Amino acid sequence: MVLAGLWSDAEGPRGPILAGIIAFAIGSLIAGLGPNLAVFVIGRALQGIGTGAVIVGVYVLIARA
């Protein structure tokens, strides 16, 4: 979230939102196709990182509006 906030402050919220959506989608694929619990946890962690980036980007959008 901190990195997404710094990125949003520097270049606007579009980048963190798009990167967050992509990270969430990749994390969903990894978690859904994971053959064991370790891979599933990695996928879920990537989903969490993506969600955090999207939330920060949306907060920046709201603040700018």
PDB file of N, CA and C in Angstrom:
ATOM      1  N   MET A   1       0.820  -1.178   0.000  1.00  0.00           N
ATOM      2  CA  MET A   1       0.000   0.000   0.000  1.00  0.00           C
ATOM      3  C   MET A   1       0.871   1.251   0.000  1.00  0.00           C
ATOM      4  N   VAL A   2       1.975   1.194   0.707  1.00  0.00           N
ATOM      5  CA  VAL A   2       2.868   2.353   0.750  1.00  0.00           C
ATOM      6  C   VAL A   2       3.457   2.616  -0.631  1.00  0.00           C
ATOM      7  N   LEU A   3       3.906   1.564  -1.284  1.00  0.00           N
ATOM      8  CA  LEU A   3       4.486   1.746  -2.614  1.00  0.00           C
ATOM      9  C   LEU A   3       3.443   2.243  -3.613  1.00  0.00           C
ATOM     10  N   ALA A   4       2.235   1.727  -3.526  1.00  0.00           N
ATOM     11  CA  ALA A   4       1.169   2.196  -4.418  1.00  0.00           C
ATOM     12  C   ALA A   4       0.825   3.652  -4.128  1.00  0.00           C
ATOM     13  N   GLY A   5       0.877   4.049  -2.865  1.00  0.00           N
ATOM     14  CA  GLY A   5       0.626   5.444  -2.517  1.00  0.00           C
ATOM     15  C   GLY A   5       1.689   6.374  -3.069  1.00  0.00           C
ATOM     16  N   LEU A   6       2.930   5.978  -2.940  1.00  0.00           N
ATOM     17  CA  LEU A   6       4.009   6.791  -3.498  1.00  0.00           C
ATOM     18  C   LEU A   6       3.911   6.865  -5.017  1.00  0.00           C
ATOM     19  N   TRP A   7       3.578   5.750  -5.642  1.00  0.00           N
ATOM     20  CA  TRP A   7       3.415   5.709  -7.093  1.00  0.00           C
ATOM     21  C   TRP A   7       2.256   6.604  -7.517  1.00  0.00           C
ATOM     22  N   SER A   8       1.152   6.560  -6.775  1.00  0.00           N
ATOM     23  CA  SER A   8      -0.004   7.409  -7.086  1.00  0.00           C
ATOM     24  C   SER A   8       0.329   8.884  -6.940  1.00  0.00           C
ATOM     25  N   ASP A   9       1.082   9.222  -5.910  1.00  0.00           N
ATOM     26  CA  ASP A   9       1.465  10.615  -5.707  1.00  0.00           C
ATOM     27  C   ASP A   9       2.373  11.117  -6.824  1.00  0.00           C
ATOM     28  N   ALA A  10       3.235  10.233  -7.301  1.00  0.00           N
ATOM     29  CA  ALA A  10       4.194  10.647  -8.331  1.00  0.00           C
ATOM     30  C   ALA A  10       3.581  10.721  -9.720  1.00  0.00           C
ATOM     31  N   GLU A  11       2.741   9.736 -10.079  1.00  0.00           N
ATOM     32  CA  GLU A  11       2.275   9.644 -11.458  1.00  0.00           C
ATOM     33  C   GLU A  11       0.770   9.555 -11.627  1.00  0.00           C
ATOM     34  N   GLY A  12       0.033   9.600 -10.538  1.00  0.00           N
ATOM     35  CA  GLY A  12      -1.410   9.478 -10.626  1.00  0.00           C
ATOM     36  C   GLY A  12      -1.865   8.074 -10.313  1.00  0.00           C
ATOM     37  N   PRO A  13      -3.162   7.893 -10.101  1.00  0.00           N
ATOM     38  CA  PRO A  13      -3.679   6.602  -9.636  1.00  0.00           C
ATOM     39  C   PRO A  13      -3.871   5.536 -10.704  1.00  0.00           C
ATOM     40  N   ARG A  14      -3.738   5.896 -11.962  1.00  0.00           N
ATOM     41  CA  ARG A  14      -4.014   4.916 -13.019  1.00  0.00           C
ATOM     42  C   ARG A  14      -3.073   3.714 -12.979  1.00  0.00           C
ATOM     43  N   GLY A  15      -1.800   3.947 -12.816  1.00  0.00           N
ATOM     44  CA  GLY A  15      -0.814   2.859 -12.791  1.00  0.00           C
ATOM     45  C   GLY A  15      -1.044   1.860 -11.670  1.00  0.00           C
ATOM     46  N   PRO A  16      -1.173   2.334 -10.413  1.00  0.00           N
ATOM     47  CA  PRO A  16      -1.422   1.377  -9.336  1.00  0.00           C
ATOM     48  C   PRO A  16      -2.732   0.611  -9.481  1.00  0.00           C
ATOM     49  N   ILE A  17      -3.767   1.255 -10.016  1.00  0.00           N
ATOM     50  CA  ILE A  17      -5.032   0.548 -10.192  1.00  0.00           C
ATOM     51  C   ILE A  17      -4.879  -0.558 -11.229  1.00  0.00           C
ATOM     52  N   LEU A  18      -4.276  -0.247 -12.356  1.00  0.00           N
ATOM     53  CA  LEU A  18      -4.088  -1.271 -13.395  1.00  0.00           C
ATOM     54  C   LEU A  18      -3.163  -2.390 -12.926  1.00  0.00           C
ATOM     55  N   ALA A  19      -2.071  -2.016 -12.260  1.00  0.00           N
ATOM     56  CA  ALA A  19      -1.145  -3.038 -11.761  1.00  0.00           C
ATOM     57  C   ALA A  19      -1.820  -3.901 -10.705  1.00  0.00           C
ATOM     58  N   GLY A  20      -2.656  -3.289  -9.871  1.00  0.00           N
ATOM     59  CA  GLY A  20      -3.367  -4.046  -8.855  1.00  0.00           C
ATOM     60  C   GLY A  20      -4.350  -5.034  -9.446  1.00  0.00           C
ATOM     61  N   ILE A  21      -5.058  -4.610 -10.478  1.00  0.00           N
ATOM     62  CA  ILE A  21      -6.008  -5.514 -11.143  1.00  0.00           C
ATOM     63  C   ILE A  21      -5.274  -6.686 -11.784  1.00  0.00           C
ATOM     64  N   ILE A  22      -4.156  -6.402 -12.417  1.00  0.00           N
ATOM     65  CA  ILE A  22      -3.364  -7.467 -13.048  1.00  0.00           C
ATOM     66  C   ILE A  22      -2.800  -8.412 -11.995  1.00  0.00           C
ATOM     67  N   ALA A  23      -2.262  -7.854 -10.891  1.00  0.00           N
ATOM     68  CA  ALA A  23      -1.722  -8.706  -9.822  1.00  0.00           C
ATOM     69  C   ALA A  23      -2.818  -9.577  -9.214  1.00  0.00           C
ATOM     70  N   PHE A  24      -4.010  -9.012  -9.018  1.00  0.00           N
ATOM     71  CA  PHE A  24      -5.109  -9.795  -8.475  1.00  0.00           C
ATOM     72  C   PHE A  24      -5.505 -10.929  -9.418  1.00  0.00           C
ATOM     73  N   ALA A  25      -5.569 -10.640 -10.707  1.00  0.00           N
ATOM     74  CA  ALA A  25      -5.940 -11.666 -11.684  1.00  0.00           C
ATOM     75  C   ALA A  25      -4.907 -12.789 -11.729  1.00  0.00           C
ATOM     76  N   ILE A  26      -3.637 -12.429 -11.725  1.00  0.00           N
ATOM     77  CA  ILE A  26      -2.585 -13.447 -11.738  1.00  0.00           C
ATOM     78  C   ILE A  26      -2.620 -14.264 -10.447  1.00  0.00           C
ATOM     79  N   GLY A  27      -2.825 -13.572  -9.326  1.00  0.00           N
ATOM     80  CA  GLY A  27      -2.936 -14.279  -8.052  1.00  0.00           C
ATOM     81  C   GLY A  27      -4.106 -15.233  -8.023  1.00  0.00           C
ATOM     82  N   SER A  28      -5.220 -14.845  -8.650  1.00  0.00           N
ATOM     83  CA  SER A  28      -6.379 -15.734  -8.714  1.00  0.00           C
ATOM     84  C   SER A  28      -6.070 -16.985  -9.522  1.00  0.00           C
ATOM     85  N   LEU A  29      -5.378 -16.808 -10.636  1.00  0.00           N
ATOM     86  CA  LEU A  29      -4.986 -17.965 -11.444  1.00  0.00           C
ATOM     87  C   LEU A  29      -4.045 -18.892 -10.684  1.00  0.00           C
ATOM     88  N   ILE A  30      -3.072 -18.305 -10.010  1.00  0.00           N
ATOM     89  CA  ILE A  30      -2.114 -19.115  -9.255  1.00  0.00           C
ATOM     90  C   ILE A  30      -2.819 -19.868  -8.132  1.00  0.00           C
ATOM     91  N   ALA A  31      -3.684 -19.158  -7.385  1.00  0.00           N
ATOM     92  CA  ALA A  31      -4.386 -19.808  -6.276  1.00  0.00           C
ATOM     93  C   ALA A  31      -5.353 -20.876  -6.781  1.00  0.00           C
ATOM     94  N   GLY A  32      -6.002 -20.618  -7.892  1.00  0.00           N
ATOM     95  CA  GLY A  32      -6.963 -21.582  -8.414  1.00  0.00           C
ATOM     96  C   GLY A  32      -6.326 -22.814  -9.021  1.00  0.00           C
ATOM     97  N   LEU A  33      -5.151 -22.655  -9.590  1.00  0.00           N
ATOM     98  CA  LEU A  33      -4.492 -23.776 -10.256  1.00  0.00           C
ATOM     99  C   LEU A  33      -3.372 -24.402  -9.433  1.00  0.00           C
ATOM    100  N   GLY A  34      -3.161 -23.879  -8.230  1.00  0.00           N
ATOM    101  CA  GLY A  34      -2.058 -24.363  -7.396  1.00  0.00           C
ATOM    102  C   GLY A  34      -2.217 -25.821  -7.000  1.00  0.00           C
ATOM    103  N   PRO A  35      -1.160 -26.603  -7.163  1.00  0.00           N
ATOM    104  CA  PRO A  35      -1.247 -28.030  -6.846  1.00  0.00           C
ATOM    105  C   PRO A  35      -1.108 -28.345  -5.355  1.00  0.00           C
ATOM    106  N   ASN A  36      -0.636 -27.369  -4.570  1.00  0.00           N
ATOM    107  CA  ASN A  36      -0.479 -27.623  -3.139  1.00  0.00           C
ATOM    108  C   ASN A  36      -0.745 -26.331  -2.358  1.00  0.00           C
ATOM    109  N   LEU A  37      -0.704 -26.442  -1.048  1.00  0.00           N
ATOM    110  CA  LEU A  37      -1.063 -25.319  -0.190  1.00  0.00           C
ATOM    111  C   LEU A  37      -0.073 -24.163  -0.308  1.00  0.00           C
ATOM    112  N   ALA A  38       1.201 -24.448  -0.498  1.00  0.00           N
ATOM    113  CA  ALA A  38       2.199 -23.386  -0.597  1.00  0.00           C
ATOM    114  C   ALA A  38       1.935 -22.490  -1.816  1.00  0.00           C
ATOM    115  N   VAL A  39       1.617 -23.088  -2.924  1.00  0.00           N
ATOM    116  CA  VAL A  39       1.316 -22.315  -4.135  1.00  0.00           C
ATOM    117  C   VAL A  39       0.022 -21.535  -3.944  1.00  0.00           C
ATOM    118  N   PHE A  40      -0.950 -22.136  -3.289  1.00  0.00           N
ATOM    119  CA  PHE A  40      -2.206 -21.447  -2.998  1.00  0.00           C
ATOM    120  C   PHE A  40      -1.961 -20.203  -2.153  1.00  0.00           C
ATOM    121  N   VAL A  41      -1.118 -20.319  -1.141  1.00  0.00           N
ATOM    122  CA  VAL A  41      -0.821 -19.181  -0.263  1.00  0.00           C
ATOM    123  C   VAL A  41      -0.098 -18.080  -1.035  1.00  0.00           C
ATOM    124  N   ILE A  42       0.793 -18.444  -1.928  1.00  0.00           N
ATOM    125  CA  ILE A  42       1.476 -17.451  -2.758  1.00  0.00           C
ATOM    126  C   ILE A  42       0.468 -16.708  -3.631  1.00  0.00           C
ATOM    127  N   GLY A  43      -0.462 -17.433  -4.211  1.00  0.00           N
ATOM    128  CA  GLY A  43      -1.503 -16.805  -5.026  1.00  0.00           C
ATOM    129  C   GLY A  43      -2.362 -15.854  -4.213  1.00  0.00           C
ATOM    130  N   ARG A  44      -2.728 -16.278  -3.002  1.00  0.00           N
ATOM    131  CA  ARG A  44      -3.545 -15.417  -2.137  1.00  0.00           C
ATOM    132  C   ARG A  44      -2.772 -14.172  -1.726  1.00  0.00           C
ATOM    133  N   ALA A  45      -1.468 -14.304  -1.492  1.00  0.00           N
ATOM    134  CA  ALA A  45      -0.652 -13.144  -1.146  1.00  0.00           C
ATOM    135  C   ALA A  45      -0.614 -12.152  -2.308  1.00  0.00           C
ATOM    136  N   LEU A  46      -0.493 -12.662  -3.500  1.00  0.00           N
ATOM    137  CA  LEU A  46      -0.498 -11.792  -4.676  1.00  0.00           C
ATOM    138  C   LEU A  46      -1.849 -11.110  -4.845  1.00  0.00           C
ATOM    139  N   GLN A  47      -2.918 -11.799  -4.525  1.00  0.00           N
ATOM    140  CA  GLN A  47      -4.247 -11.176  -4.554  1.00  0.00           C
ATOM    141  C   GLN A  47      -4.319 -10.038  -3.537  1.00  0.00           C
ATOM    142  N   GLY A  48      -3.755 -10.232  -2.364  1.00  0.00           N
ATOM    143  CA  GLY A  48      -3.755  -9.195  -1.344  1.00  0.00           C
ATOM    144  C   GLY A  48      -2.960  -7.977  -1.749  1.00  0.00           C
ATOM    145  N   ILE A  49      -1.830  -8.197  -2.391  1.00  0.00           N
ATOM    146  CA  ILE A  49      -1.016  -7.081  -2.881  1.00  0.00           C
ATOM    147  C   ILE A  49      -1.790  -6.303  -3.940  1.00  0.00           C
ATOM    148  N   GLY A  50      -2.441  -7.015  -4.842  1.00  0.00           N
ATOM    149  CA  GLY A  50      -3.224  -6.354  -5.887  1.00  0.00           C
ATOM    150  C   GLY A  50      -4.382  -5.560  -5.319  1.00  0.00           C
ATOM    151  N   THR A  51      -5.079  -6.139  -4.354  1.00  0.00           N
ATOM    152  CA  THR A  51      -6.206  -5.448  -3.740  1.00  0.00           C
ATOM    153  C   THR A  51      -5.744  -4.196  -3.015  1.00  0.00           C
ATOM    154  N   GLY A  52      -4.620  -4.272  -2.323  1.00  0.00           N
ATOM    155  CA  GLY A  52      -4.089  -3.102  -1.630  1.00  0.00           C
ATOM    156  C   GLY A  52      -3.752  -1.977  -2.588  1.00  0.00           C
ATOM    157  N   ALA A  53      -3.175  -2.307  -3.729  1.00  0.00           N
ATOM    158  CA  ALA A  53      -2.834  -1.286  -4.720  1.00  0.00           C
ATOM    159  C   ALA A  53      -4.085  -0.634  -5.299  1.00  0.00           C
ATOM    160  N   VAL A  54      -5.113  -1.438  -5.555  1.00  0.00           N
ATOM    161  CA  VAL A  54      -6.359  -0.886  -6.099  1.00  0.00           C
ATOM    162  C   VAL A  54      -7.026   0.036  -5.083  1.00  0.00           C
ATOM    163  N   ILE A  55      -7.045  -0.378  -3.815  1.00  0.00           N
ATOM    164  CA  ILE A  55      -7.676   0.441  -2.781  1.00  0.00           C
ATOM    165  C   ILE A  55      -6.991   1.796  -2.677  1.00  0.00           C
ATOM    166  N   VAL A  56      -5.678   1.806  -2.684  1.00  0.00           N
ATOM    167  CA  VAL A  56      -4.951   3.076  -2.600  1.00  0.00           C
ATOM    168  C   VAL A  56      -5.254   3.951  -3.814  1.00  0.00           C
ATOM    169  N   GLY A  57      -5.264   3.354  -5.000  1.00  0.00           N
ATOM    170  CA  GLY A  57      -5.577   4.123  -6.204  1.00  0.00           C
ATOM    171  C   GLY A  57      -6.957   4.722  -6.149  1.00  0.00           C
ATOM    172  N   VAL A  58      -7.924   3.968  -5.637  1.00  0.00           N
ATOM    173  CA  VAL A  58      -9.296   4.485  -5.533  1.00  0.00           C
ATOM    174  C   VAL A  58      -9.353   5.616  -4.502  1.00  0.00           C
ATOM    175  N   TYR A  59      -8.646   5.473  -3.390  1.00  0.00           N
ATOM    176  CA  TYR A  59      -8.595   6.554  -2.401  1.00  0.00           C
ATOM    177  C   TYR A  59      -8.027   7.833  -3.019  1.00  0.00           C
ATOM    178  N   VAL A  60      -7.003   7.690  -3.830  1.00  0.00           N
ATOM    179  CA  VAL A  60      -6.419   8.869  -4.485  1.00  0.00           C
ATOM    180  C   VAL A  60      -7.418   9.484  -5.463  1.00  0.00           C
ATOM    181  N   LEU A  61      -8.135   8.657  -6.204  1.00  0.00           N
ATOM    182  CA  LEU A  61      -9.169   9.162  -7.104  1.00  0.00           C
ATOM    183  C   LEU A  61     -10.238   9.944  -6.340  1.00  0.00           C
ATOM    184  N   ILE A  62     -10.669   9.395  -5.220  1.00  0.00           N
ATOM    185  CA  ILE A  62     -11.682  10.076  -4.410  1.00  0.00           C
ATOM    186  C   ILE A  62     -11.150  11.403  -3.886  1.00  0.00           C
ATOM    187  N   ALA A  63      -9.915  11.400  -3.411  1.00  0.00           N
ATOM    188  CA  ALA A  63      -9.323  12.628  -2.883  1.00  0.00           C
ATOM    189  C   ALA A  63      -9.188  13.701  -3.965  1.00  0.00           C
ATOM    190  N   ARG A  64      -8.855  13.291  -5.159  1.00  0.00           N
ATOM    191  CA  ARG A  64      -8.702  14.271  -6.252  1.00  0.00           C
ATOM    192  C   ARG A  64     -10.046  14.785  -6.763  1.00  0.00           C
ATOM    193  N   ALA A  65     -11.094  14.002  -6.590  1.00  0.00           N
ATOM    194  CA  ALA A  65     -12.416  14.429  -7.046  1.00  0.00           C
ATOM    195  C   ALA A  65     -12.975  15.445  -6.064  1.00  0.00           C
TER     196      ALA A  65
END
